[in-house]
Protein backbone atom coordinates (compact mmCIF):
# COMPACT_ATOMS: atom_id res chain seq x y z
CA MET A 1 69.04 91.48 134.51
CA TYR A 2 68.06 90.65 138.12
CA GLY A 3 70.29 90.88 141.24
CA LEU A 4 69.89 90.75 144.98
CA PRO A 5 67.33 93.34 146.21
CA THR A 6 68.37 95.94 148.64
CA TYR A 7 66.54 95.03 152.03
CA ARG A 8 65.02 97.82 153.96
CA PRO A 9 62.95 97.91 157.05
CA ILE A 10 59.29 96.96 156.26
CA GLY A 11 56.89 98.33 158.82
CA THR A 12 58.65 97.75 162.20
CA GLU A 13 60.38 94.38 161.18
CA ASN A 14 63.91 94.25 159.77
CA LEU A 15 64.76 91.43 157.41
CA GLN A 16 68.15 89.87 158.49
CA LEU A 17 70.13 87.70 156.03
CA VAL A 18 71.47 84.63 157.50
CA SER A 19 73.30 83.06 154.43
CA ILE A 20 73.47 83.21 150.54
CA THR A 21 74.15 80.11 148.69
CA THR A 22 74.70 79.96 144.77
CA MET A 23 73.67 76.77 143.00
CA ALA A 24 74.30 75.86 139.36
CA SER A 25 71.04 75.05 137.26
CA ARG A 26 70.57 74.04 133.86
CA ASN A 27 69.45 77.54 132.79
CA GLY A 28 71.67 79.48 134.98
CA ALA A 29 72.28 80.32 138.69
CA LEU A 30 69.84 79.79 141.62
CA TRP A 31 70.64 82.11 144.62
CA LEU A 32 69.15 80.65 147.88
CA VAL A 33 68.82 83.54 150.22
CA ARG A 34 68.15 82.38 153.91
CA SER A 35 66.81 84.96 156.26
CA ALA A 36 65.49 84.97 159.78
CA SER A 37 62.00 84.71 158.63
CA GLY A 38 62.40 81.86 156.08
CA LEU A 39 63.77 80.69 152.91
CA VAL A 40 63.69 82.92 149.68
CA VAL A 41 64.52 81.59 146.33
CA LEU A 42 65.79 83.93 143.50
CA LEU A 43 66.31 82.95 139.76
CA ALA A 44 69.23 85.36 138.94
CA CYS A 45 69.96 85.92 135.12
CA SER A 46 69.21 82.59 134.14
CA THR A 47 68.05 82.52 130.57
CA LEU A 48 69.20 85.98 129.74
CA LEU A 49 72.73 85.09 131.18
CA ALA A 50 72.92 81.94 129.28
CA GLN A 51 71.88 83.46 125.94
CA THR A 52 74.15 86.48 126.40
CA THR A 53 77.18 84.24 127.02
CA ALA A 54 76.35 81.99 124.13
CA GLN A 55 76.20 85.02 121.83
CA VAL A 56 79.43 86.24 123.00
CA ASN A 57 81.27 82.92 122.80
CA ARG A 58 79.67 81.81 119.36
CA PRO A 59 82.40 82.45 116.69
CA GLN A 60 81.40 84.59 113.69
CA THR A 61 81.24 82.78 110.45
CA VAL A 62 81.35 83.47 106.81
CA HIS A 63 79.36 81.41 104.29
CA ILE A 64 81.41 80.84 101.03
CA ARG A 65 79.73 79.22 98.14
CA GLY A 66 80.29 78.93 94.37
CA THR A 67 80.17 76.85 91.25
CA VAL A 68 83.03 75.11 89.41
CA ARG A 69 82.42 74.82 85.52
CA ALA A 70 84.24 73.75 82.46
CA SER A 71 85.72 76.73 80.48
CA ASP A 72 85.02 75.28 77.14
CA ASP A 73 81.17 74.64 77.41
CA GLY A 74 80.24 75.90 80.84
CA SER A 75 79.21 72.43 82.11
CA PRO A 76 79.29 71.93 85.85
CA ILE A 77 82.05 69.66 87.19
CA SER A 78 81.22 67.40 90.03
CA GLY A 79 83.63 65.80 92.68
CA VAL A 80 86.05 68.83 92.75
CA ASP A 81 87.92 69.13 95.90
CA VAL A 82 87.68 72.64 97.11
CA THR A 83 89.98 73.28 100.12
CA PHE A 84 90.36 76.22 102.53
CA ILE A 85 93.47 76.77 104.58
CA GLY A 86 93.90 79.42 107.23
CA GLY A 87 95.80 79.42 110.47
CA ASN A 88 95.21 75.97 112.04
CA ILE A 89 92.05 75.38 110.04
CA ARG A 90 91.94 73.20 107.03
CA LYS A 91 88.45 72.31 105.51
CA SER A 92 87.68 70.51 102.26
CA VAL A 93 84.35 70.21 100.64
CA TYR A 94 83.28 68.65 97.35
CA THR A 95 81.10 70.00 94.43
CA ASP A 96 77.88 68.24 93.78
CA ARG A 97 76.34 67.12 90.50
CA ARG A 98 75.48 70.86 90.01
CA GLY A 99 79.08 71.82 90.38
CA MET A 100 78.21 73.75 93.42
CA TYR A 101 80.08 73.80 96.85
CA GLU A 102 79.32 75.44 100.24
CA ALA A 103 81.40 75.92 103.44
CA ASN A 104 81.09 77.84 106.57
CA LEU A 105 84.35 79.21 108.01
CA PRO A 106 85.27 81.49 110.99
CA VAL A 107 86.12 84.93 109.83
CA GLY A 108 89.72 85.44 109.20
CA LEU A 109 92.35 85.01 106.49
CA TYR A 110 92.38 81.97 104.11
CA LYS A 111 93.88 80.46 100.91
CA MET A 112 91.84 78.31 98.61
CA GLY A 113 92.44 75.51 96.26
CA VAL A 114 90.30 73.96 93.53
CA ASN A 115 91.35 70.43 92.62
CA PRO A 116 89.37 68.49 89.99
CA SER A 117 89.52 64.84 90.10
CA ASP A 118 90.14 64.57 86.28
CA TRP A 119 93.98 64.83 85.83
CA SER A 120 93.29 66.48 82.49
CA GLN A 121 91.64 69.47 84.16
CA ARG A 122 93.90 72.26 85.66
CA GLU A 123 94.10 72.97 89.35
CA TYR A 124 93.25 76.57 90.46
CA GLU A 125 94.26 78.42 93.64
CA ARG A 126 93.18 81.64 95.20
CA PRO A 127 95.72 83.63 97.18
CA LEU A 128 95.24 84.91 100.70
CA PHE A 129 91.91 86.68 101.25
CA ARG A 130 90.29 88.09 104.36
CA VAL A 131 86.82 88.29 105.73
CA THR A 132 86.29 90.52 108.83
CA ALA A 133 82.67 90.27 109.30
CA PRO A 134 79.97 87.62 109.03
CA THR A 135 78.85 87.65 105.37
CA LYS A 136 78.16 85.51 102.21
CA ILE A 137 80.83 85.24 99.65
CA THR A 138 80.61 83.67 96.04
CA PHE A 139 83.80 82.40 94.42
CA ASP A 140 83.00 80.72 90.95
CA PHE A 141 85.74 79.13 88.91
CA LEU A 142 86.02 78.23 85.17
CA VAL A 143 88.35 75.27 84.93
CA GLY A 144 90.39 74.68 81.69
CA TYR A 145 92.05 71.56 80.47
CA GLU A 146 95.71 70.66 80.41
CA HIS A 147 97.17 70.27 76.86
CA ASN A 148 100.44 69.17 75.38
CA CYS A 149 102.82 72.08 74.66
CA ASP A 150 106.12 71.25 73.15
CA VAL A 151 108.62 74.10 72.84
CA GLY A 152 111.48 73.59 70.59
CA ALA A 153 114.64 75.58 69.82
CA PRO A 154 114.02 78.80 67.82
CA MET A 155 114.71 78.27 64.08
CA GLY A 156 118.47 78.49 63.31
CA SER A 157 119.39 78.24 66.99
CA ASN A 158 120.94 75.40 68.98
CA GLN A 159 119.82 76.85 72.27
CA MET A 160 117.27 74.77 74.01
CA PRO A 161 114.29 76.76 75.52
CA ASN A 162 114.43 77.31 79.30
CA LEU A 163 111.55 77.31 81.80
CA GLU A 164 110.66 80.97 81.05
CA ASP A 165 110.40 80.21 77.32
CA ALA A 166 108.01 77.31 78.06
CA THR A 167 105.94 79.57 80.34
CA ASP A 168 105.65 82.09 77.53
CA ALA A 169 104.35 79.59 75.01
CA CYS A 170 102.36 77.17 77.31
CA GLY A 171 101.09 79.40 80.10
CA GLY A 172 101.17 79.11 83.86
CA SER A 173 100.70 81.46 86.68
CA VAL A 174 102.63 84.33 88.31
CA SER A 175 102.00 86.30 91.58
CA PHE A 176 103.07 89.58 92.89
CA PRO A 177 102.99 90.83 96.52
CA VAL A 178 100.64 93.58 97.18
CA PRO A 179 100.45 93.68 101.10
CA SER A 180 98.20 95.75 103.15
CA LYS A 181 99.20 98.37 105.71
CA ASP A 182 98.27 96.19 108.57
CA GLY A 183 100.56 93.44 107.50
CA ALA A 184 98.26 91.01 105.55
CA SER A 185 100.43 89.32 102.96
CA PHE A 186 97.95 89.73 100.06
CA GLU A 187 99.10 88.84 96.64
CA VAL A 188 97.71 89.29 93.06
CA LEU A 189 97.61 85.96 91.16
CA ILE A 190 97.60 85.92 87.47
CA GLN A 191 96.80 82.60 85.74
CA PHE A 192 97.24 82.65 81.89
CA GLY A 193 97.51 80.68 78.70
CA GLN A 194 100.42 82.56 77.05
CA ARG A 195 102.76 85.36 77.81
CA ALA A 196 104.34 87.86 75.61
CA ARG A 197 107.34 90.09 76.64
CA THR A 198 107.15 93.74 75.56
CA PRO A 199 109.05 96.89 76.38
CA ASN A 200 106.11 98.00 78.41
CA GLY A 201 105.98 94.93 80.32
CA ASP A 202 104.57 91.36 80.14
CA VAL A 203 101.17 90.70 78.53
CA TYR A 204 99.32 87.73 79.98
CA SER A 205 96.74 86.45 77.40
CA ALA A 206 94.14 83.70 77.09
CA GLU A 207 95.17 80.40 75.50
CA TRP A 208 94.49 79.60 71.90
CA ASP A 209 91.43 77.40 71.34
CA LEU A 210 92.53 74.84 68.80
CA THR A 211 89.67 72.58 69.08
CA SER A 212 87.10 74.72 67.28
CA PRO A 213 87.13 76.21 63.70
CA PRO A 214 88.98 79.38 63.41
CA PRO A 215 86.94 82.55 62.72
CA LEU A 216 89.43 84.16 60.41
CA VAL A 217 91.38 82.42 57.46
CA TYR A 218 93.65 84.56 55.30
CA ARG A 219 94.09 83.93 51.49
CA SER A 220 97.51 82.59 52.34
CA GLY A 221 95.81 79.82 54.40
CA MET A 222 96.99 81.20 57.75
CA ALA A 223 94.21 80.81 60.36
CA ILE A 224 93.74 82.99 63.44
CA PRO A 225 92.21 80.62 66.15
CA ASN A 226 89.72 81.48 68.72
CA LEU A 227 90.92 82.46 72.27
CA GLY A 228 90.00 79.89 74.77
CA THR A 229 90.27 79.82 78.65
CA GLN A 230 90.70 83.45 79.82
CA VAL A 231 93.23 84.81 82.05
CA PHE A 232 92.17 84.49 85.63
CA VAL A 233 93.20 87.25 88.20
CA ALA A 234 92.39 87.18 91.98
CA TYR A 235 93.38 89.66 94.63
CA ASN A 236 91.80 89.40 98.12
CA LEU A 237 88.06 89.31 97.40
CA PHE A 238 88.58 90.77 93.80
CA THR A 239 88.18 88.47 90.85
CA LEU A 240 88.64 89.29 87.20
CA TYR A 241 88.59 87.37 83.74
CA ALA A 242 89.88 88.90 80.55
CA ASP A 243 91.50 87.94 77.29
CA HIS A 244 94.62 90.15 77.88
CA VAL A 245 96.05 91.35 81.21
CA THR A 246 99.07 93.46 82.16
CA PHE A 247 100.30 94.36 85.62
CA ASP A 248 102.62 97.16 86.69
CA ALA A 249 104.41 95.74 89.74
CA GLN A 250 105.88 99.18 90.68
CA ARG A 251 102.66 101.15 90.49
CA LYS A 252 100.39 98.27 91.31
CA VAL A 253 98.15 98.89 88.49
CA LEU A 254 96.25 96.06 86.69
CA ARG A 255 94.99 96.59 83.10
CA ALA A 256 92.74 94.23 81.31
CA LYS A 257 91.03 94.23 77.83
CA GLY A 258 88.95 91.82 75.78
CA ARG A 259 85.78 90.24 77.14
CA VAL A 260 86.45 91.59 80.65
CA VAL A 261 84.32 90.16 83.42
CA ILE A 262 84.47 91.60 86.98
CA VAL A 263 83.08 89.40 89.68
CA ASN A 264 82.08 90.92 92.96
CA PRO A 265 82.32 89.01 96.23
CA ASP A 266 78.46 88.49 96.35
CA GLY A 267 78.69 86.89 92.81
CA GLY A 268 77.38 89.95 90.85
CA LYS A 269 79.19 90.48 87.64
CA SER A 270 79.85 93.50 85.39
CA GLN A 271 81.55 93.57 81.97
CA SER A 272 83.83 95.90 80.02
CA ASP A 273 85.97 95.94 76.92
CA SER A 274 88.91 97.52 78.70
CA ILE A 275 89.49 98.54 82.25
CA ALA A 276 92.31 99.29 85.01
CA PHE A 277 92.58 99.09 88.72
CA LYS A 278 94.78 100.27 91.37
CA LEU A 279 95.61 97.43 93.79
CA LYS A 280 96.11 98.62 97.45
CA ASP A 281 95.44 97.41 100.92
CA GLY A 282 93.27 94.55 99.70
CA GLU A 283 91.11 96.64 97.41
CA ALA A 284 90.92 97.10 93.76
CA VAL A 285 90.02 100.70 92.83
CA ARG A 286 88.87 101.33 89.43
CA LEU A 287 90.96 104.07 87.58
CA PRO A 288 89.45 106.68 85.29
CA ALA A 289 90.32 105.93 81.72
CA ALA A 290 92.22 109.31 81.30
CA THR A 291 94.72 108.17 84.02
CA TRP A 292 96.06 105.00 82.11
């Protein structure tokens, strides 16, 4: 970066400044230095200054992309409205014929919604997540279908089922606060097909797939259907799919078993039969098997 030079006697002649005028130019600032012996033009910090200022003022962005597919056959779903909401920012993009979407957002805190145009397909949401540095993030979604679920009174009872009974049988979503130390209001979201109440806590499970032939049929004729759309879990940038999930809200421990798939923020995947995580400060830390 150049500035005004320091003038010193040159030979027996002293250079005396008469005036300095600063003028704006397209690429920076022109300093016109008028001396007793003439006019000197200096280009001060032009291109470098403009580039440095632009780099400082340019907002840091995160590139989020992903694919929305049907949970039954994995086919891509086009025309899905994918919306990001954070602060005073609201941005919507739509999936293309390959089921893909892309969005560039300033780094920060966001919530995300996935809304298919087909009313028979379920809407999905992603709770608050945070990106603190420019990066690329992949959020893929497997979208299930809405189905009729009639819940009647238990046999021998005149008491009609309440909302919790309907949720147990028909599925839904629950969320639990797991904030970070710096005050970010993170939540763990669990979206499930059915729920069972047990002495050790609620068990969230995948829904039954009643559209395909059951793999097991007993001599009595009773059939055990396949499990369909898996349980979906989201916490900050952490994503998990499994057949069965439990969450200890006191200890903030998540357990999953059955076709477990853990999805990393970069889109990489790992699988397991069973696994457990401690959720804390926006992170999901894997627990050794001996501790759970």
